[in-house]
């Protein structure tokens, strides 16, 4: 799954502080850090889900995996997925709120 970040409007990048406008250089670096943070969390969530799935398959095949290891891995994956969904919901709420702002 590929997630693309929201690109800043290029017209805002040309604004200078001398005209009473602002610069987006700090905002761009902050958004890059936020994007990296979200992508890393999604990658970790994906790995956790894959790990729990692999442990479950190993348990079903009769490999040396205990039930509590599988349940712990599945619980961790569930918690991380719920957190990712809540983060997504908050990001969408913030985006919708920003789009409602009148300029």
Protein backbone atom coordinates (compact mmCIF):
# COMPACT_ATOMS: atom_id res chain seq x y z
CA UNK A 1 0.00 0.00 0.00
CA UNK A 2 1.40 3.34 -1.00
CA UNK A 3 0.51 6.54 0.80
CA UNK A 4 1.32 9.87 -0.79
CA UNK A 5 1.67 13.04 1.25
CA UNK A 6 -0.28 16.22 0.60
CA UNK A 7 1.86 18.54 -1.47
CA UNK A 8 2.07 22.23 -0.55
CA UNK A 9 0.74 24.71 -3.07
CA UNK A 10 3.73 25.99 -5.03
CA UNK A 11 2.47 29.60 -4.96
CA UNK A 12 2.96 29.73 -1.20
CA UNK A 13 6.61 28.71 -1.48
CA UNK A 14 7.44 31.95 -3.31
CA UNK A 15 6.06 34.25 -0.61
CA UNK A 16 8.65 36.21 1.30
CA UNK A 17 8.58 37.67 4.84
CA UNK A 18 9.28 41.18 3.46
CA UNK A 19 5.84 41.29 1.81
CA UNK A 20 4.12 40.49 5.08
CA UNK A 21 3.69 36.87 4.09
CA UNK A 22 5.25 33.79 5.59
CA UNK A 23 7.70 31.09 4.55
CA UNK A 24 6.84 27.41 4.53
CA UNK A 25 10.37 26.07 5.01
CA UNK A 26 9.81 25.14 8.67
CA UNK A 27 6.32 23.83 7.90
CA UNK A 28 7.66 21.67 5.07
CA UNK A 29 10.31 20.10 7.31
CA UNK A 30 7.70 19.53 10.03
CA UNK A 31 5.35 17.90 7.55
CA UNK A 32 8.19 15.71 6.29
CA UNK A 33 8.88 14.62 9.88
CA UNK A 34 5.17 13.98 10.45
CA UNK A 35 4.95 12.03 7.20
CA UNK A 36 7.95 9.93 8.20
CA UNK A 37 6.42 9.32 11.62
CA UNK A 38 3.10 8.18 10.15
CA UNK A 39 4.74 6.01 7.50
CA UNK A 40 7.00 4.37 10.09
CA UNK A 41 3.99 3.65 12.31
CA UNK A 42 2.09 2.14 9.38
CA UNK A 43 5.09 0.00 8.48
CA UNK A 44 5.38 -1.21 12.08
CA UNK A 45 1.66 -2.00 12.14
CA UNK A 46 1.94 -3.94 8.90
CA UNK A 47 4.89 -5.92 10.23
CA UNK A 48 3.01 -6.69 13.44
CA UNK A 49 0.00 -7.98 11.52
CA UNK A 50 2.23 -10.11 9.30
CA UNK A 51 4.06 -11.51 12.34
CA UNK A 52 0.82 -12.47 14.07
CA UNK A 53 -0.44 -14.08 10.88
CA UNK A 54 2.78 -16.08 10.50
CA UNK A 55 2.65 -17.22 14.13
CA UNK A 56 -0.96 -18.28 13.70
CA UNK A 57 -0.11 -20.29 10.59
CA UNK A 58 2.81 -21.92 12.41
CA UNK A 59 0.49 -22.82 15.30
CA UNK A 60 -2.05 -24.36 12.92
CA UNK A 61 0.68 -26.44 11.24
CA UNK A 62 1.68 -27.81 14.61
CA UNK A 63 5.05 -26.07 14.88
CA UNK A 64 6.54 -25.29 18.29
CA UNK A 65 4.49 -22.13 18.89
CA UNK A 66 2.41 -21.77 22.02
CA UNK A 67 -1.12 -20.42 22.07
CA UNK A 68 -0.21 -17.52 24.34
CA UNK A 69 2.51 -16.33 21.91
CA UNK A 70 -0.05 -16.28 19.11
CA UNK A 71 -2.64 -14.49 21.24
CA UNK A 72 -0.14 -11.88 22.43
CA UNK A 73 0.98 -11.21 18.84
CA UNK A 74 -2.63 -10.95 17.67
CA UNK A 75 -3.53 -8.61 20.53
CA UNK A 76 -0.54 -6.40 19.76
CA UNK A 77 -1.45 -6.31 16.06
CA UNK A 78 -5.07 -5.48 16.91
CA UNK A 79 -4.02 -2.63 19.22
CA UNK A 80 -1.62 -1.18 16.65
CA UNK A 81 -4.26 -1.40 13.91
CA UNK A 82 -6.82 0.35 16.12
CA UNK A 83 -4.29 3.09 16.86
CA UNK A 84 -3.54 3.51 13.14
CA UNK A 85 -7.26 3.78 12.35
CA UNK A 86 -7.76 6.40 15.07
CA UNK A 87 -4.78 8.40 13.79
CA UNK A 88 -6.24 8.24 10.29
CA UNK A 89 -9.61 9.41 11.60
CA UNK A 90 -8.02 12.35 13.41
CA UNK A 91 -6.04 13.33 10.31
CA UNK A 92 -9.21 13.21 8.20
CA UNK A 93 -11.10 15.27 10.80
CA UNK A 94 -8.32 17.87 10.79
CA UNK A 95 -8.28 17.96 6.98
CA UNK A 96 -12.05 18.42 6.83
CA UNK A 97 -11.85 21.18 9.42
CA UNK A 98 -9.13 22.95 7.41
CA UNK A 99 -11.20 22.73 4.23
CA UNK A 100 -14.10 24.41 6.04
CA UNK A 101 -11.98 27.43 6.95
CA UNK A 102 -12.99 30.43 4.85
CA UNK A 103 -10.23 32.59 3.49
